Protein backbone atom coordinates (compact mmCIF):
# COMPACT_ATOMS: atom_id res chain seq x y z
CA MET A 1 4.32 -85.70 113.42
CA ALA A 2 1.71 -88.10 114.16
CA GLN A 3 -1.01 -88.70 110.70
CA ASN A 4 -3.83 -86.72 112.60
CA GLU A 5 -1.98 -84.19 114.45
CA VAL A 6 -3.08 -80.50 114.32
CA SER A 7 0.34 -78.45 114.66
CA THR A 8 -1.16 -75.11 115.87
CA LEU A 9 -3.75 -76.85 118.22
CA LYS A 10 -0.70 -79.01 119.63
CA LYS A 11 1.87 -75.44 119.80
CA GLY A 12 -1.35 -73.79 121.82
CA LEU A 13 -1.69 -76.34 123.86
CA LEU A 14 1.57 -76.40 125.01
CA VAL A 15 1.76 -72.77 125.27
CA LEU A 16 -1.63 -72.75 127.84
CA GLU A 17 -0.10 -75.82 129.80
CA LEU A 18 3.39 -74.05 130.07
CA VAL A 19 1.52 -70.29 131.44
CA LYS A 20 -0.70 -72.60 133.61
CA ARG A 21 2.39 -74.08 135.12
CA SER A 22 4.25 -70.70 135.64
CA LYS A 23 3.54 -67.88 138.26
CA GLY A 24 3.76 -65.41 135.23
CA ILE A 25 5.81 -65.66 132.27
CA THR A 26 7.08 -63.48 129.43
CA LEU A 27 6.96 -63.77 125.77
CA ARG A 28 10.17 -64.34 125.75
CA GLN A 29 10.09 -67.17 127.96
CA VAL A 30 7.97 -68.81 125.86
CA MET A 31 9.46 -68.64 122.99
CA ASP A 32 13.00 -69.99 124.60
CA GLU A 33 10.69 -72.66 126.27
CA LEU A 34 9.05 -74.01 123.60
CA SER A 35 11.46 -72.87 120.81
CA LEU A 36 8.52 -70.64 119.07
CA SER A 37 9.39 -67.84 116.70
CA LYS A 38 8.39 -64.37 118.30
CA SER A 39 5.41 -63.94 115.75
CA THR A 40 4.14 -67.61 116.60
CA ALA A 41 4.10 -67.04 120.47
CA PHE A 42 2.59 -63.80 120.23
CA ARG A 43 -0.14 -65.40 117.82
CA LEU A 44 -0.65 -67.92 120.04
CA LEU A 45 -0.65 -66.04 123.54
CA THR A 46 -2.97 -63.35 122.05
CA THR A 47 -5.20 -65.84 120.87
CA LEU A 48 -5.54 -67.39 124.55
CA GLU A 49 -5.84 -63.75 126.28
CA GLU A 50 -8.71 -63.41 123.41
CA MET A 51 -10.45 -66.83 124.75
CA ASP A 52 -10.15 -65.51 128.53
CA TYR A 53 -7.75 -68.48 128.95
CA VAL A 54 -4.65 -66.24 129.97
CA TYR A 55 -4.39 -62.39 130.99
CA LYS A 56 -1.73 -60.25 131.27
CA ILE A 57 -0.06 -57.71 133.58
CA GLN A 58 2.62 -55.74 132.00
CA THR A 59 4.69 -58.00 130.60
CA GLN A 60 3.56 -61.11 132.49
CA TYR A 61 1.04 -63.92 131.00
CA LEU A 62 -0.60 -65.50 133.77
CA ILE A 63 -3.39 -68.63 133.12
CA ASN A 64 -7.32 -67.18 133.66
CA HIS A 65 -8.24 -70.08 136.58
CA LYS A 66 -11.80 -69.35 136.52
CA MET A 67 -11.96 -71.00 133.02
CA PHE A 68 -11.15 -74.03 134.42
CA LEU A 69 -13.24 -74.32 137.57
CA ASP A 70 -16.18 -76.57 137.14
CA SER A 71 -20.02 -75.39 137.03
CA PHE A 72 -20.72 -75.51 140.55
CA GLU A 73 -17.28 -73.89 141.35
CA LYS A 74 -18.04 -71.12 138.88
CA HIS A 75 -21.82 -70.39 140.43
CA SER A 76 -20.06 -70.16 143.92
CA GLU A 77 -17.11 -67.36 142.72
CA MET A 78 -20.29 -65.61 140.95
CA GLU A 79 -22.08 -65.36 144.18
CA TRP A 80 -19.20 -64.11 146.12
CA ALA A 81 -18.08 -61.81 143.10
CA SER A 82 -21.58 -60.21 143.13
CA LEU A 83 -21.02 -58.63 146.78
CA ARG A 84 -21.34 -54.56 146.77
CA SER A 85 -20.47 -53.77 149.74
CA ILE A 86 -16.74 -53.89 149.15
CA TYR A 87 -16.87 -51.46 146.48
CA GLN A 88 -17.80 -49.17 149.47
CA LEU A 89 -14.56 -50.14 151.62
CA ALA A 90 -12.41 -50.10 148.61
CA LYS A 91 -13.36 -46.67 147.35
CA LYS A 92 -12.81 -45.16 151.31
CA LEU A 93 -9.53 -47.19 151.76
CA GLN A 94 -8.18 -46.54 147.88
CA MET A 95 -6.03 -49.50 147.92
CA SER A 96 -6.77 -52.75 145.82
CA THR A 97 -9.31 -55.11 147.94
CA TYR A 98 -9.38 -58.75 147.90
CA ILE A 99 -11.98 -61.45 149.18
CA GLY A 100 -10.61 -64.98 149.87
CA LYS A 101 -12.02 -68.23 150.98
CA VAL A 102 -10.11 -71.66 151.63
CA ASP A 103 -10.33 -74.71 149.09
CA GLY A 104 -8.16 -77.58 150.85
CA THR A 105 -4.82 -76.24 151.67
CA ASP A 106 -4.86 -73.04 149.06
CA LEU A 107 -6.26 -69.87 149.27
CA VAL A 108 -8.93 -68.90 146.73
CA MET A 109 -9.68 -65.10 145.56
CA THR A 110 -13.21 -64.70 145.00
CA GLN A 111 -13.49 -61.02 144.69
CA VAL A 112 -10.88 -58.48 143.36
CA LEU A 113 -11.09 -54.61 143.04
CA HIS A 114 -8.76 -52.31 141.45
CA SER A 115 -8.60 -48.64 141.04
CA PRO A 116 -10.97 -46.82 140.19
CA PHE A 117 -12.86 -49.63 142.22
CA GLN A 118 -16.29 -49.68 139.92
CA GLU A 119 -15.71 -53.11 138.42
CA SER A 120 -14.65 -56.48 139.21
CA ALA A 121 -11.12 -57.57 138.41
CA ASP A 122 -12.40 -60.75 136.70
CA GLU A 123 -9.38 -62.29 135.63
CA GLU A 124 -7.88 -62.70 139.16
CA ILE A 125 -11.31 -64.15 140.56
CA GLY A 126 -9.99 -68.08 141.14
CA ASN A 127 -6.15 -67.58 141.67
CA ARG A 128 -4.50 -69.19 144.05
CA SER A 129 -1.82 -69.02 146.49
CA LYS A 130 -1.07 -71.37 149.55
CA LEU A 131 -2.77 -70.33 153.00
CA HIS A 132 0.64 -69.40 154.84
CA GLN A 133 1.96 -67.16 152.15
CA SER A 134 -0.52 -64.22 152.77
CA ALA A 135 -2.45 -62.40 155.13
CA LEU A 136 -5.91 -63.57 153.78
CA GLY A 137 -4.97 -67.26 154.49
CA LYS A 138 -3.50 -66.87 157.65
CA VAL A 139 -5.89 -64.78 159.28
CA ILE A 140 -9.04 -67.76 158.46
CA LEU A 141 -6.39 -70.04 159.32
CA ALA A 142 -6.07 -68.52 163.05
CA ASN A 143 -9.92 -68.40 163.37
CA LEU A 144 -10.77 -71.95 162.70
CA ASP A 145 -11.81 -74.73 164.94
CA GLU A 146 -8.71 -76.56 166.10
CA GLU A 147 -10.06 -79.82 164.40
CA SER A 148 -10.30 -78.25 161.05
CA LEU A 149 -6.79 -75.89 161.53
CA GLU A 150 -4.70 -79.37 162.83
CA SER A 151 -6.27 -81.12 159.46
CA ILE A 152 -5.19 -78.55 156.99
CA LEU A 153 -1.78 -77.96 158.83
CA ASP A 154 -1.13 -81.80 158.42
CA LYS A 155 -1.51 -81.20 154.79
CA LEU A 156 0.26 -77.62 154.26
CA SER A 157 3.47 -77.74 152.64
CA LEU A 158 5.30 -74.34 153.46
CA GLU A 159 6.57 -73.44 150.06
CA ARG A 160 8.27 -70.24 149.86
CA ALA A 161 6.67 -67.25 147.80
CA THR A 162 9.45 -64.98 148.97
CA LYS A 163 12.54 -64.90 151.17
CA ASN A 164 9.71 -63.51 153.84
CA THR A 165 7.31 -66.50 153.63
CA PHE A 166 6.99 -68.87 156.66
CA GLN A 167 8.65 -71.96 156.90
CA ASP A 168 9.15 -72.90 159.87
CA SER A 169 6.16 -75.18 161.17
CA GLN A 170 6.33 -74.71 164.84
CA LEU A 171 6.87 -70.39 164.47
CA PHE A 172 3.92 -70.47 161.85
CA ARG A 173 1.44 -71.86 164.34
CA TYR A 174 3.10 -69.14 166.91
CA HIS A 175 2.17 -66.86 164.56
CA LEU A 176 -1.47 -68.19 164.01
CA LYS A 177 -1.85 -67.58 167.63
CA ALA A 178 -0.83 -64.43 167.85
CA ILE A 179 -3.03 -63.29 165.18
CA GLY A 180 -6.17 -64.81 166.78
CA GLN A 181 -5.41 -62.88 169.31
CA GLU A 182 -4.88 -59.62 167.57
CA GLY A 183 -7.81 -60.14 165.06
CA TYR A 184 -6.01 -59.43 161.58
CA ALA A 185 -3.25 -60.59 160.00
CA PHE A 186 -0.19 -58.73 158.71
CA ASP A 187 1.51 -59.96 155.49
CA ASP A 188 4.74 -58.33 155.10
CA GLU A 189 6.08 -59.16 151.81
CA GLU A 190 5.81 -62.83 152.46
CA ARG A 191 3.99 -63.33 148.78
CA ILE A 192 5.05 -60.41 146.76
CA VAL A 193 7.97 -58.31 147.57
CA GLY A 194 7.20 -55.13 147.86
CA ILE A 195 3.77 -55.50 148.53
CA ARG A 196 2.21 -55.69 152.12
CA CYS A 197 -1.63 -56.84 153.01
CA LEU A 198 -4.10 -56.71 155.68
CA ALA A 199 -6.72 -58.94 156.61
CA VAL A 200 -9.31 -59.59 158.61
CA PRO A 201 -11.76 -63.19 158.91
CA VAL A 202 -15.27 -62.53 157.58
CA PHE A 203 -17.69 -64.69 159.77
CA ARG A 204 -21.15 -66.37 158.95
CA ASN A 205 -23.19 -67.82 162.06
CA GLN A 206 -19.89 -67.24 163.88
CA GLU A 207 -17.74 -69.48 161.47
CA VAL A 208 -15.26 -68.09 159.45
CA VAL A 209 -15.90 -68.41 155.68
CA ALA A 210 -13.58 -65.47 154.23
CA ALA A 211 -11.30 -63.17 154.48
CA LEU A 212 -11.49 -59.39 153.63
CA ALA A 213 -7.95 -57.67 152.73
CA ILE A 214 -6.40 -54.56 151.33
CA ALA A 215 -2.60 -54.78 149.71
CA ALA A 216 -0.44 -51.72 148.47
CA PRO A 217 3.30 -50.98 147.97
CA ALA A 218 5.32 -51.28 151.28
CA VAL A 219 5.63 -47.63 151.75
CA GLN A 220 1.57 -47.00 151.94
CA ILE A 221 0.76 -49.53 154.99
CA SER A 222 3.40 -48.37 157.93
CA ARG A 223 3.04 -48.89 161.53
CA GLY A 224 1.44 -45.78 162.03
CA ASN A 225 -1.32 -46.40 159.96
CA ILE A 226 -2.68 -50.00 160.37
CA LYS A 227 -4.84 -49.75 163.49
CA GLN A 228 -6.71 -47.18 161.14
CA ILE A 229 -7.24 -49.69 158.05
CA ILE A 230 -7.99 -52.55 160.28
CA SER A 231 -10.66 -50.41 161.91
CA LYS A 232 -12.02 -49.61 158.27
CA LEU A 233 -11.52 -53.58 157.33
CA ASN A 234 -13.68 -55.05 160.50
CA THR A 235 -16.59 -52.35 159.45
CA GLY A 236 -16.36 -53.75 156.18
CA SER A 237 -16.08 -57.57 157.02
CA LYS A 238 -19.60 -57.10 158.92
CA ALA A 239 -21.12 -55.41 156.03
CA ILE A 240 -20.08 -58.14 153.79
CA THR A 241 -21.18 -60.72 157.00
CA LYS A 242 -24.10 -59.08 156.71
CA GLU A 243 -24.81 -59.03 152.82
CA ILE A 244 -23.75 -62.53 152.50
CA GLU A 245 -26.55 -63.82 155.34
CA THR A 246 -29.24 -62.55 152.67
CA ILE A 247 -27.64 -65.08 149.88
CA VAL A 248 -28.64 -68.76 150.46
CA ASN A 249 -26.53 -70.22 148.49
CA ILE A 250 -23.21 -68.38 149.22
CA LYS A 251 -20.40 -70.77 150.06
């Protein structure tokens, strides 16, 4: 060990880097990957959780991306998280509700609500996924102008999240055209197995700036109730558009 090296700090940073690289990691996996005792791994993860660098869903630890945003990005995310019309929609649908926007080839979550739909799930704001992996990303892509779309698709690698994720670039382009015509996107377990998602675009000055979506276990979203859900999402999208037009700095 180097003379000035702090052992505990180094272990903590190694754990943080490991969680950051993963899409969810358990205490046991951290122990095995870094050859740590259970008590040491638990203390480090608990400390990182208390400091908001990571958060926990059931047995999985995930990185809190919001802690790594610069001040401008944090301000932008705070503006999006201040939107109130999404709460009314979430309560009506009684499903997890999301707003996301584009950053490069990523979809970034800017607002997340889960039952009982009273508080924002701040630990999930800033989470990222590839645009092609979810209904949120697909519906934004489908409503971009041709030049912007081509610029993103040229850089977008169709990484698989589940066995249902699009990997054929030509088929994906046809899929985007169909979404543009239908006005909504459907994610059939393409990002998370067992979860379906429906999304509609959010416009500002007639340009797509974000997407609004709900997600639920596959059994709760069927061909029989899609139209009803989409109708409510479109109403919610219009309310959000009206709201963001009053917020000068939102981007």
